[in-house]
Amino acid sequence: MAEITELQKDILFIRRDWLNSNSLLIKGKENVLIDTGHISSFPQTLSLLQETGVNPEEINIVVNTHFHSDHVGANLAIQELSGAIIAASGLEANLINAGDRWSNWLDFFGQDAPLYHVSKILDDGQLFRAGPYEFRVVSTPGHSPGGVSLYCEELEMLVCGDALWYHDFGPVNCVVNGQGALDQARDSLQRLADLKVEQCVPGHGPLISDHQENVGRCLRKIEKLLDDPREAAMHIITRVLTFQIMIEGGIASDKMGDYLIEKGWLQKFNELYFHADLQDLMDQVLKRLHKSGAIRVDAGVIKAR
């Protein structure tokens, strides 16, 4: 599933499935692409860009809201095609340019994304021009250590990456990013709540029309997770496992246990939060995903819906 919507003159919203981040293309003297999707979907990314009337070779600047694989996967490929500058927060730029693969979850979850070079730093409060519009950088860490959002006061438009989704927010990995990451995510939501927003562009899912109601709902949700660390761990486990199933194109039911043992990350969450039999924890996770409708079993293969 992918669709392109013109939000304003020269601003195109590219909504994609949950394996890939959404993207925002802002046309101008310098064409700006915000987030590039997962590397496995690069052919689709090329096709979608061409559909907008902008060839990948014409992208001048790539802006990353954060450095997870579903948002930066096509960075290097686009950079090699066009010579585009890549912009990110200073913290994440330093980690990426040093070749780090841990804090962005790649090695922790056994994911992949070609490493790239960041040459433009986005500081909190900095003004960033994209096409005819001026955006302000808003630091929104939590889901990732150096996540940023972009806010255009003129348009009352917020591009928030995974700091905020419709009725949810990007999962927080306290195993990798520390126990304070969930507090950071809450503080980031509070910062976004202070903005006057008519159009909210999330990193995944649909556009958000009622910003205040949505961010209020998410703040109440994250407060509950702060009070219940096990539930906070389950929040990321269920979402990451669904993402992994998407990457694999499905996992045989009788191979799921071996798959998770090989990856190793579920065991790390278990050791920190649950202290349960690993098979029992896996069964609990899959039961939740079935109940929520996130996965289905088709001829003995677990697939994401």
Protein backbone atom coordinates (compact mmCIF):
# COMPACT_ATOMS: atom_id res chain seq x y z
CA MET A 1 0.00 0.00 0.00
CA ALA A 2 1.34 3.39 -1.00
CA GLU A 3 -0.40 6.64 -1.83
CA ILE A 4 0.68 10.19 -2.59
CA THR A 5 -1.24 13.21 -1.31
CA GLU A 6 -0.52 16.87 -1.96
CA LEU A 7 -0.77 18.61 1.42
CA GLN A 8 0.24 22.08 0.25
CA LYS A 9 1.70 23.51 -2.92
CA ASP A 10 4.94 21.60 -3.54
CA ILE A 11 4.53 19.42 -0.42
CA LEU A 12 3.72 15.77 -1.13
CA PHE A 13 2.95 13.18 1.56
CA ILE A 14 3.98 9.64 0.60
CA ARG A 15 2.18 7.17 2.84
CA ARG A 16 3.52 3.61 2.85
CA ASP A 17 3.01 0.30 4.59
CA TRP A 18 4.38 -0.27 8.08
CA LEU A 19 7.63 -1.82 6.88
CA ASN A 20 8.56 1.57 5.48
CA SER A 21 8.42 5.00 6.99
CA ASN A 22 6.17 7.57 5.42
CA SER A 23 8.06 10.22 3.46
CA LEU A 24 7.50 13.90 2.77
CA LEU A 25 8.78 15.46 -0.44
CA ILE A 26 9.12 19.24 -0.56
CA LYS A 27 9.81 20.57 -4.04
CA GLY A 28 11.84 23.68 -4.68
CA LYS A 29 15.13 24.98 -5.95
CA GLU A 30 16.51 22.22 -3.72
CA ASN A 31 14.25 19.19 -3.47
CA VAL A 32 14.03 17.89 0.10
CA LEU A 33 13.02 14.32 0.99
CA ILE A 34 12.20 13.57 4.62
CA ASP A 35 12.92 9.88 5.41
CA THR A 36 13.61 7.27 2.73
CA GLY A 37 12.03 3.94 3.79
CA HIS A 38 13.47 0.45 4.18
CA ILE A 39 16.23 -0.71 1.85
CA SER A 40 14.22 -3.77 0.77
CA SER A 41 11.62 -1.43 -0.75
CA PHE A 42 14.04 0.79 -2.65
CA PRO A 43 12.58 -0.08 -6.08
CA GLN A 44 9.18 1.10 -4.82
CA THR A 45 10.80 4.24 -3.40
CA LEU A 46 12.23 5.05 -6.83
CA SER A 47 8.86 4.48 -8.48
CA LEU A 48 7.04 6.69 -5.95
CA LEU A 49 9.51 9.52 -6.39
CA GLN A 50 9.14 9.35 -10.16
CA GLU A 51 5.37 9.46 -9.72
CA THR A 52 5.75 12.82 -7.94
CA GLY A 53 7.60 14.22 -10.94
CA VAL A 54 10.95 14.31 -9.13
CA ASN A 55 13.56 11.77 -10.16
CA PRO A 56 15.80 10.34 -7.42
CA GLU A 57 18.77 12.05 -9.11
CA GLU A 58 17.05 15.38 -8.39
CA ILE A 59 16.93 14.97 -4.60
CA ASN A 60 19.25 17.57 -3.08
CA ILE A 61 18.73 17.04 0.65
CA VAL A 62 17.59 14.01 2.64
CA VAL A 63 16.39 14.81 6.16
CA ASN A 64 16.08 12.00 8.68
CA THR A 65 13.75 12.32 11.64
CA HIS A 66 15.83 9.53 13.19
CA PHE A 67 18.20 6.73 12.23
CA HIS A 68 16.18 3.48 12.35
CA SER A 69 16.31 1.13 9.37
CA ASP A 70 12.78 1.84 8.12
CA HIS A 71 13.55 5.58 7.85
CA VAL A 72 17.12 5.59 6.49
CA GLY A 73 17.30 2.41 4.39
CA ALA A 74 17.50 4.19 1.03
CA ASN A 75 19.75 7.03 2.21
CA LEU A 76 22.96 5.67 0.71
CA ALA A 77 21.34 4.64 -2.57
CA ILE A 78 19.81 8.11 -3.05
CA GLN A 79 23.05 9.76 -1.96
CA GLU A 80 24.95 7.75 -4.58
CA LEU A 81 22.41 8.60 -7.31
CA SER A 82 22.12 12.32 -6.63
CA GLY A 83 24.95 13.38 -4.36
CA ALA A 84 22.30 14.49 -1.85
CA ILE A 85 23.31 16.00 1.47
CA ILE A 86 21.95 14.03 4.42
CA ALA A 87 20.79 15.95 7.48
CA ALA A 88 20.20 14.60 10.99
CA SER A 89 20.57 15.56 14.63
CA GLY A 90 24.12 16.03 15.87
CA LEU A 91 23.93 13.09 18.25
CA GLU A 92 22.77 10.64 15.60
CA ALA A 93 25.07 12.11 12.94
CA ASN A 94 28.09 11.41 15.17
CA LEU A 95 26.96 7.84 15.79
CA ILE A 96 26.24 7.12 12.13
CA ASN A 97 29.47 8.70 10.89
CA ALA A 98 31.38 6.57 13.42
CA GLY A 99 29.80 3.39 12.00
CA ASP A 100 27.70 2.64 15.09
CA ARG A 101 25.15 -0.15 14.57
CA TRP A 102 23.96 -0.63 18.15
CA SER A 103 22.21 2.55 19.22
CA ASN A 104 20.17 2.51 16.00
CA TRP A 105 19.05 -1.07 16.85
CA LEU A 106 20.58 -2.68 13.75
CA ASP A 107 22.78 -5.18 15.57
CA PHE A 108 20.42 -5.53 18.54
CA PHE A 109 17.49 -6.71 16.39
CA GLY A 110 19.57 -8.22 13.58
CA GLN A 111 18.35 -5.68 11.04
CA ASP A 112 20.19 -4.12 8.12
CA ALA A 113 20.54 -0.71 6.51
CA PRO A 114 23.49 0.49 4.44
CA LEU A 115 25.52 3.02 6.39
CA TYR A 116 25.72 6.54 4.95
CA HIS A 117 27.36 9.84 5.79
CA VAL A 118 25.64 12.78 7.47
CA SER A 119 27.04 16.19 6.56
CA LYS A 120 24.35 18.58 7.80
CA ILE A 121 23.53 18.89 11.50
CA LEU A 122 20.04 19.78 12.73
CA ASP A 123 20.08 21.51 16.11
CA ASP A 124 17.07 22.06 18.33
CA GLY A 125 15.44 25.38 17.45
CA GLN A 126 17.33 25.74 14.19
CA LEU A 127 15.38 27.12 11.21
CA PHE A 128 15.54 24.95 8.12
CA ARG A 129 14.29 26.10 4.71
CA ALA A 130 12.62 23.54 2.46
CA GLY A 131 11.19 24.87 -0.79
CA PRO A 132 9.32 28.11 -0.03
CA TYR A 133 8.70 27.11 3.58
CA GLU A 134 10.64 27.51 6.82
CA PHE A 135 10.64 24.69 9.35
CA ARG A 136 11.90 24.77 12.92
CA VAL A 137 13.79 21.76 14.27
CA VAL A 138 12.21 20.36 17.44
CA SER A 139 14.27 17.85 19.40
CA THR A 140 12.09 14.80 20.15
CA PRO A 141 14.24 12.00 21.60
CA GLY A 142 12.87 8.84 23.21
CA HIS A 143 12.04 6.44 20.39
CA SER A 144 15.58 7.15 19.25
CA PRO A 145 18.27 9.03 21.18
CA GLY A 146 18.47 11.98 18.80
CA GLY A 147 15.11 12.06 17.07
CA VAL A 148 13.87 15.34 15.62
CA SER A 149 10.57 16.73 14.38
CA LEU A 150 10.08 19.62 11.97
CA TYR A 151 7.47 22.33 12.53
CA CYS A 152 6.29 24.93 10.01
CA GLU A 153 4.51 27.71 11.86
CA GLU A 154 3.20 29.31 8.66
CA LEU A 155 1.40 26.11 7.63
CA GLU A 156 0.82 24.85 11.18
CA MET A 157 2.35 21.59 9.93
CA LEU A 158 4.27 19.12 12.09
CA VAL A 159 6.47 16.35 10.71
CA CYS A 160 7.05 14.19 13.77
CA GLY A 161 8.66 10.93 12.65
CA ASP A 162 8.03 8.21 15.22
CA ALA A 163 7.71 10.56 18.19
CA LEU A 164 3.96 10.48 17.53
CA TRP A 165 1.60 8.28 15.52
CA TYR A 166 -2.18 8.14 15.34
CA HIS A 167 -3.21 6.89 18.82
CA ASP A 168 0.30 5.57 19.47
CA PHE A 169 4.00 6.40 19.26
CA GLY A 170 7.18 4.68 18.22
CA PRO A 171 8.22 1.99 20.71
CA VAL A 172 10.96 2.81 23.17
CA ASN A 173 13.91 0.45 23.64
CA CYS A 174 15.18 0.92 27.17
CA VAL A 175 17.48 -2.10 26.82
CA VAL A 176 19.56 -0.28 24.20
CA ASN A 177 18.86 3.39 24.89
CA GLY A 178 18.65 3.33 28.68
CA GLN A 179 15.93 3.47 31.31
CA GLY A 180 15.47 7.21 30.82
CA ALA A 181 14.39 6.82 27.19
CA LEU A 182 10.70 6.44 28.09
CA ASP A 183 10.84 9.65 30.13
CA GLN A 184 12.41 11.35 27.11
CA ALA A 185 9.59 10.10 24.89
CA ARG A 186 7.00 11.53 27.29
CA ASP A 187 8.82 14.86 27.43
CA SER A 188 8.93 14.93 23.62
CA LEU A 189 5.17 14.38 23.44
CA GLN A 190 4.69 17.26 25.86
CA ARG A 191 6.81 19.50 23.62
CA LEU A 192 4.67 18.56 20.62
CA ALA A 193 1.49 19.22 22.62
CA ASP A 194 2.54 22.87 22.92
CA LEU A 195 2.51 23.39 19.15
CA LYS A 196 -0.47 24.66 17.16
CA VAL A 197 -0.92 21.99 14.50
CA GLU A 198 -3.43 21.63 11.69
CA GLN A 199 -1.58 18.95 9.73
CA CYS A 200 0.45 16.32 11.54
CA VAL A 201 2.61 14.04 9.40
CA PRO A 202 3.66 10.92 11.37
CA GLY A 203 6.44 8.48 10.52
CA HIS A 204 3.90 5.68 10.03
CA GLY A 205 0.17 5.45 9.52
CA PRO A 206 -2.36 8.07 8.45
CA LEU A 207 -2.20 11.83 8.68
CA ILE A 208 -3.42 13.13 12.04
CA SER A 209 -6.10 15.80 11.93
CA ASP A 210 -6.89 16.30 15.64
CA HIS A 211 -3.42 16.91 17.02
CA GLN A 212 -4.35 17.93 20.56
CA GLU A 213 -6.72 15.02 21.14
CA ASN A 214 -4.22 12.58 19.69
CA VAL A 215 -1.18 13.78 21.63
CA GLY A 216 -3.28 13.87 24.82
CA ARG A 217 -4.29 10.26 24.28
CA CYS A 218 -0.65 9.29 23.71
CA LEU A 219 0.50 11.12 26.84
CA ARG A 220 -2.02 9.17 28.92
CA LYS A 221 -0.80 5.95 27.33
CA ILE A 222 2.87 6.64 27.97
CA GLU A 223 2.18 7.54 31.60
CA LYS A 224 0.68 4.06 32.02
CA LEU A 225 3.79 2.52 30.47
CA LEU A 226 6.00 4.50 32.83
CA ASP A 227 4.04 2.99 35.72
CA ASP A 228 4.37 -0.54 34.30
CA PRO A 229 7.84 -1.37 32.89
CA ARG A 230 6.73 -4.86 31.82
CA GLU A 231 3.93 -3.38 29.73
CA ALA A 232 6.41 -0.89 28.28
CA ALA A 233 8.63 -3.82 27.26
CA MET A 234 5.65 -5.63 25.74
CA HIS A 235 4.83 -2.46 23.77
CA ILE A 236 8.13 -2.62 21.90
CA ILE A 237 8.32 -6.44 21.69
CA THR A 238 4.97 -6.74 19.90
CA ARG A 239 5.72 -3.94 17.45
CA VAL A 240 9.25 -5.05 16.63
CA LEU A 241 8.22 -8.67 16.14
CA THR A 242 5.49 -7.57 13.73
CA PHE A 243 8.11 -5.52 11.86
CA GLN A 244 10.47 -8.52 11.75
CA ILE A 245 7.70 -10.72 10.35
CA MET A 246 7.16 -8.11 7.62
CA ILE A 247 10.87 -8.09 6.77
CA GLU A 248 10.95 -11.89 6.53
CA GLY A 249 7.72 -12.05 4.53
CA GLY A 250 6.35 -14.48 7.12
CA ILE A 251 7.83 -16.99 9.57
CA ALA A 252 6.74 -20.63 9.89
CA SER A 253 4.93 -21.20 13.18
CA ASP A 254 7.16 -24.15 14.08
CA LYS A 255 10.29 -22.08 13.36
CA MET A 256 9.36 -18.97 15.35
CA GLY A 257 11.06 -20.18 18.54
CA ASP A 258 14.31 -20.95 16.72
CA TYR A 259 14.11 -17.61 14.91
CA LEU A 260 13.80 -15.63 18.13
CA ILE A 261 16.53 -17.62 19.87
CA GLU A 262 18.85 -16.96 16.92
CA LYS A 263 18.09 -13.23 16.95
CA GLY A 264 18.58 -13.08 20.72
CA TRP A 265 16.71 -9.85 21.46
CA LEU A 266 13.65 -11.41 23.10
CA GLN A 267 15.93 -13.12 25.61
CA LYS A 268 17.45 -9.74 26.54
CA PHE A 269 14.00 -8.28 27.27
CA ASN A 270 13.11 -11.42 29.20
CA GLU A 271 16.20 -11.18 31.38
CA LEU A 272 15.52 -7.54 32.22
CA TYR A 273 11.74 -7.50 32.62
CA PHE A 274 9.97 -10.87 32.75
CA HIS A 275 12.22 -13.68 34.08
CA ALA A 276 9.85 -16.12 32.38
CA ASP A 277 10.22 -19.30 30.38
CA LEU A 278 11.13 -18.00 26.91
CA GLN A 279 8.57 -20.21 25.17
CA ASP A 280 5.83 -18.97 27.52
CA LEU A 281 6.81 -15.36 26.81
CA MET A 282 6.81 -15.99 23.07
CA ASP A 283 3.35 -17.59 23.30
CA GLN A 284 2.09 -14.58 25.25
CA VAL A 285 3.46 -12.18 22.64
CA LEU A 286 1.94 -14.09 19.73
CA LYS A 287 -1.41 -14.32 21.53
CA ARG A 288 -1.44 -10.54 21.92
CA LEU A 289 -0.61 -10.03 18.28
CA HIS A 290 -3.33 -12.43 17.17
CA LYS A 291 -5.89 -10.75 19.41
CA SER A 292 -5.00 -7.29 18.12
CA GLY A 293 -5.23 -8.45 14.52
CA ALA A 294 -1.60 -7.56 13.78
CA ILE A 295 -0.74 -11.08 12.58
CA ARG A 296 -2.48 -14.09 11.08
CA VAL A 297 -1.51 -17.71 10.45
CA ASP A 298 -1.76 -18.84 6.85
CA ALA A 299 -0.96 -22.50 6.10
CA GLY A 300 1.33 -22.71 9.11
CA VAL A 301 3.11 -19.42 8.36
CA ILE A 302 2.79 -16.39 10.65
CA LYS A 303 2.24 -13.28 8.54
CA ALA A 304 1.69 -9.62 9.34
CA ARG A 305 -1.63 -8.16 8.27
